[in-house]
Amino acid sequence: MGTKMSSNDTYNKVEKLPSAKNLIKQLKTNAMNRKQLNLDLTVSLMNLATDNASLLSVSKAIGSIKNAGKLLKTSLVSKKEIGVEWTNKTYAFIFENCAVNIDLIANRKTRNQILGGFQVQ
C-alpha cells in the first residue's frame, strides 16, 4: 500500500534557488566587505611602528579589525634567505572571515623585523 506523489508534491520539496538579483546583490556586498577589509588592514598595518614589526604587533593590528573576526591560527608558510644577514618569512594568519599572508623581513644579527607586505585571501 504505497502512496502516490503528485508532480506538485515533488516540486514543493525541491529547494528554491535564490534569484539572480539576490545573487548579484550578495556578490556586491561581499566585494564591498573585501574592499573595506583591505582598506582597514592597510591603515592598521601602516600605523605599526616601522622600526621593529613583530608577529605579536601584527597580530594585534589585524585582530583589532572587526571584519576579520577571531584569530584561529598562525603558521609559518615560507622562509627564504636574502643575502648573508636577512631572512624573508611569510606567515599566514587565519581568521574567522579571512586569511592574511604577512611578509616579515628580519635581520638575523640585530633581530629587527620589517613588515614587507601583506595579502588578503
Protein backbone atom coordinates (compact mmCIF):
# COMPACT_ATOMS: atom_id res chain seq x y z
CA MET A 1 0.00 0.00 0.00
CA GLY A 2 2.06 2.87 -1.25
CA THR A 3 1.04 6.45 -1.54
CA LYS A 4 1.37 8.25 -4.80
CA MET A 5 3.16 11.55 -5.04
CA SER A 6 1.88 14.07 -7.49
CA SER A 7 4.19 16.26 -9.53
CA ASN A 8 3.16 19.21 -7.34
CA ASP A 9 4.44 17.40 -4.23
CA THR A 10 7.80 16.83 -5.91
CA TYR A 11 8.00 20.49 -6.96
CA ASN A 12 7.25 21.68 -3.43
CA LYS A 13 10.06 19.53 -1.99
CA VAL A 14 12.73 20.96 -4.31
CA GLU A 15 14.74 23.74 -2.70
CA LYS A 16 14.18 27.04 -4.37
CA LEU A 17 17.36 28.72 -5.57
CA PRO A 18 17.98 32.40 -4.86
CA SER A 19 17.09 34.73 -7.67
CA ALA A 20 19.78 36.18 -9.92
CA LYS A 21 19.03 39.60 -8.45
CA ASN A 22 19.71 38.34 -4.91
CA LEU A 23 22.91 36.59 -6.01
CA ILE A 24 24.23 39.78 -7.65
CA LYS A 25 23.37 41.77 -4.52
CA GLN A 26 25.21 39.23 -2.33
CA LEU A 27 28.29 39.30 -4.61
CA LYS A 28 28.39 43.11 -4.49
CA THR A 29 28.12 43.04 -0.69
CA ASN A 30 30.98 40.51 -0.44
CA ALA A 31 33.12 42.64 -2.77
CA MET A 32 32.46 45.74 -0.66
CA ASN A 33 33.31 43.83 2.53
CA ARG A 34 36.58 42.66 0.92
CA LYS A 35 37.45 46.24 -0.13
CA GLN A 36 36.69 47.56 3.35
CA LEU A 37 38.77 44.79 4.92
CA ASN A 38 41.71 45.60 2.62
CA LEU A 39 41.43 49.29 3.49
CA ASP A 40 41.20 48.58 7.24
CA LEU A 41 44.21 46.24 7.07
CA THR A 42 46.26 48.75 5.11
CA VAL A 43 45.58 51.55 7.60
CA SER A 44 46.14 49.31 10.62
CA LEU A 45 49.43 47.87 9.34
CA MET A 46 50.70 51.27 8.18
CA ASN A 47 50.17 52.57 11.72
CA LEU A 48 52.55 49.95 13.13
CA ALA A 49 55.95 51.16 14.25
CA THR A 50 58.14 50.77 11.18
CA ASP A 51 61.38 50.20 13.06
CA ASN A 52 60.50 46.80 14.51
CA ALA A 53 57.36 44.90 13.47
CA SER A 54 56.84 41.68 15.40
CA LEU A 55 54.36 38.84 14.97
CA LEU A 56 52.59 39.99 18.12
CA SER A 57 52.20 43.59 16.93
CA VAL A 58 50.97 42.45 13.50
CA SER A 59 48.54 40.01 15.11
CA LYS A 60 47.17 42.74 17.40
CA ALA A 61 46.84 45.17 14.48
CA ILE A 62 44.87 42.69 12.38
CA GLY A 63 42.88 41.43 15.37
CA SER A 64 41.62 44.94 16.09
CA ILE A 65 39.68 44.89 12.81
CA LYS A 66 36.11 43.75 13.45
CA ASN A 67 35.54 42.41 9.91
CA ALA A 68 38.41 39.93 10.25
CA GLY A 69 36.85 38.03 13.13
CA LYS A 70 38.65 35.97 15.74
CA LEU A 71 42.21 34.74 15.15
CA LEU A 72 42.10 30.98 14.64
CA LYS A 73 45.64 30.05 13.63
CA THR A 74 49.06 31.47 12.76
CA SER A 75 51.63 29.47 10.82
CA LEU A 76 54.92 29.94 9.01
CA VAL A 77 54.32 29.48 5.27
CA SER A 78 57.80 30.06 3.86
CA LYS A 79 61.30 31.16 4.83
CA LYS A 80 63.87 32.50 2.35
CA GLU A 81 67.37 33.70 2.97
CA ILE A 82 68.13 37.13 1.50
CA GLY A 83 71.85 37.58 1.40
CA VAL A 84 74.02 36.99 4.45
CA GLU A 85 72.08 38.90 7.12
CA TRP A 86 68.42 38.96 6.04
CA THR A 87 65.57 36.45 6.06
CA ASN A 88 62.13 36.84 4.49
CA LYS A 89 59.44 34.92 6.38
CA THR A 90 55.82 34.64 5.24
CA TYR A 91 53.25 33.94 7.92
CA ALA A 92 49.60 33.02 7.42
CA PHE A 93 47.11 34.50 9.87
CA ILE A 94 43.82 32.60 9.65
CA PHE A 95 40.80 34.50 10.96
CA GLU A 96 37.11 33.59 11.01
CA ASN A 97 36.32 35.74 7.97
CA CYS A 98 39.59 35.90 6.05
CA ALA A 99 43.18 34.77 5.76
CA VAL A 100 46.08 37.21 5.60
CA ASN A 101 49.63 36.43 4.47
CA ILE A 102 52.24 38.70 6.06
CA ASP A 103 55.84 39.08 4.86
CA LEU A 104 58.32 39.94 7.61
CA ILE A 105 61.91 40.68 6.66
CA ALA A 106 64.27 40.06 9.57
CA ASN A 107 67.89 40.92 10.20
CA ARG A 108 69.48 37.86 11.79
CA LYS A 109 72.16 39.87 13.63
CA THR A 110 70.05 42.69 15.08
CA ARG A 111 66.78 40.72 15.23
CA ASN A 112 64.90 43.73 13.82
CA GLN A 113 61.90 42.91 11.63
CA ILE A 114 60.35 44.99 8.88
CA LEU A 115 56.85 44.49 7.50
CA GLY A 116 57.41 43.66 3.83
CA GLY A 117 53.80 43.40 2.72
CA PHE A 118 50.52 41.57 3.12
CA GLN A 119 47.88 39.85 1.02
CA VAL A 120 44.26 39.15 1.94
CA GLN A 121 42.89 35.83 0.75
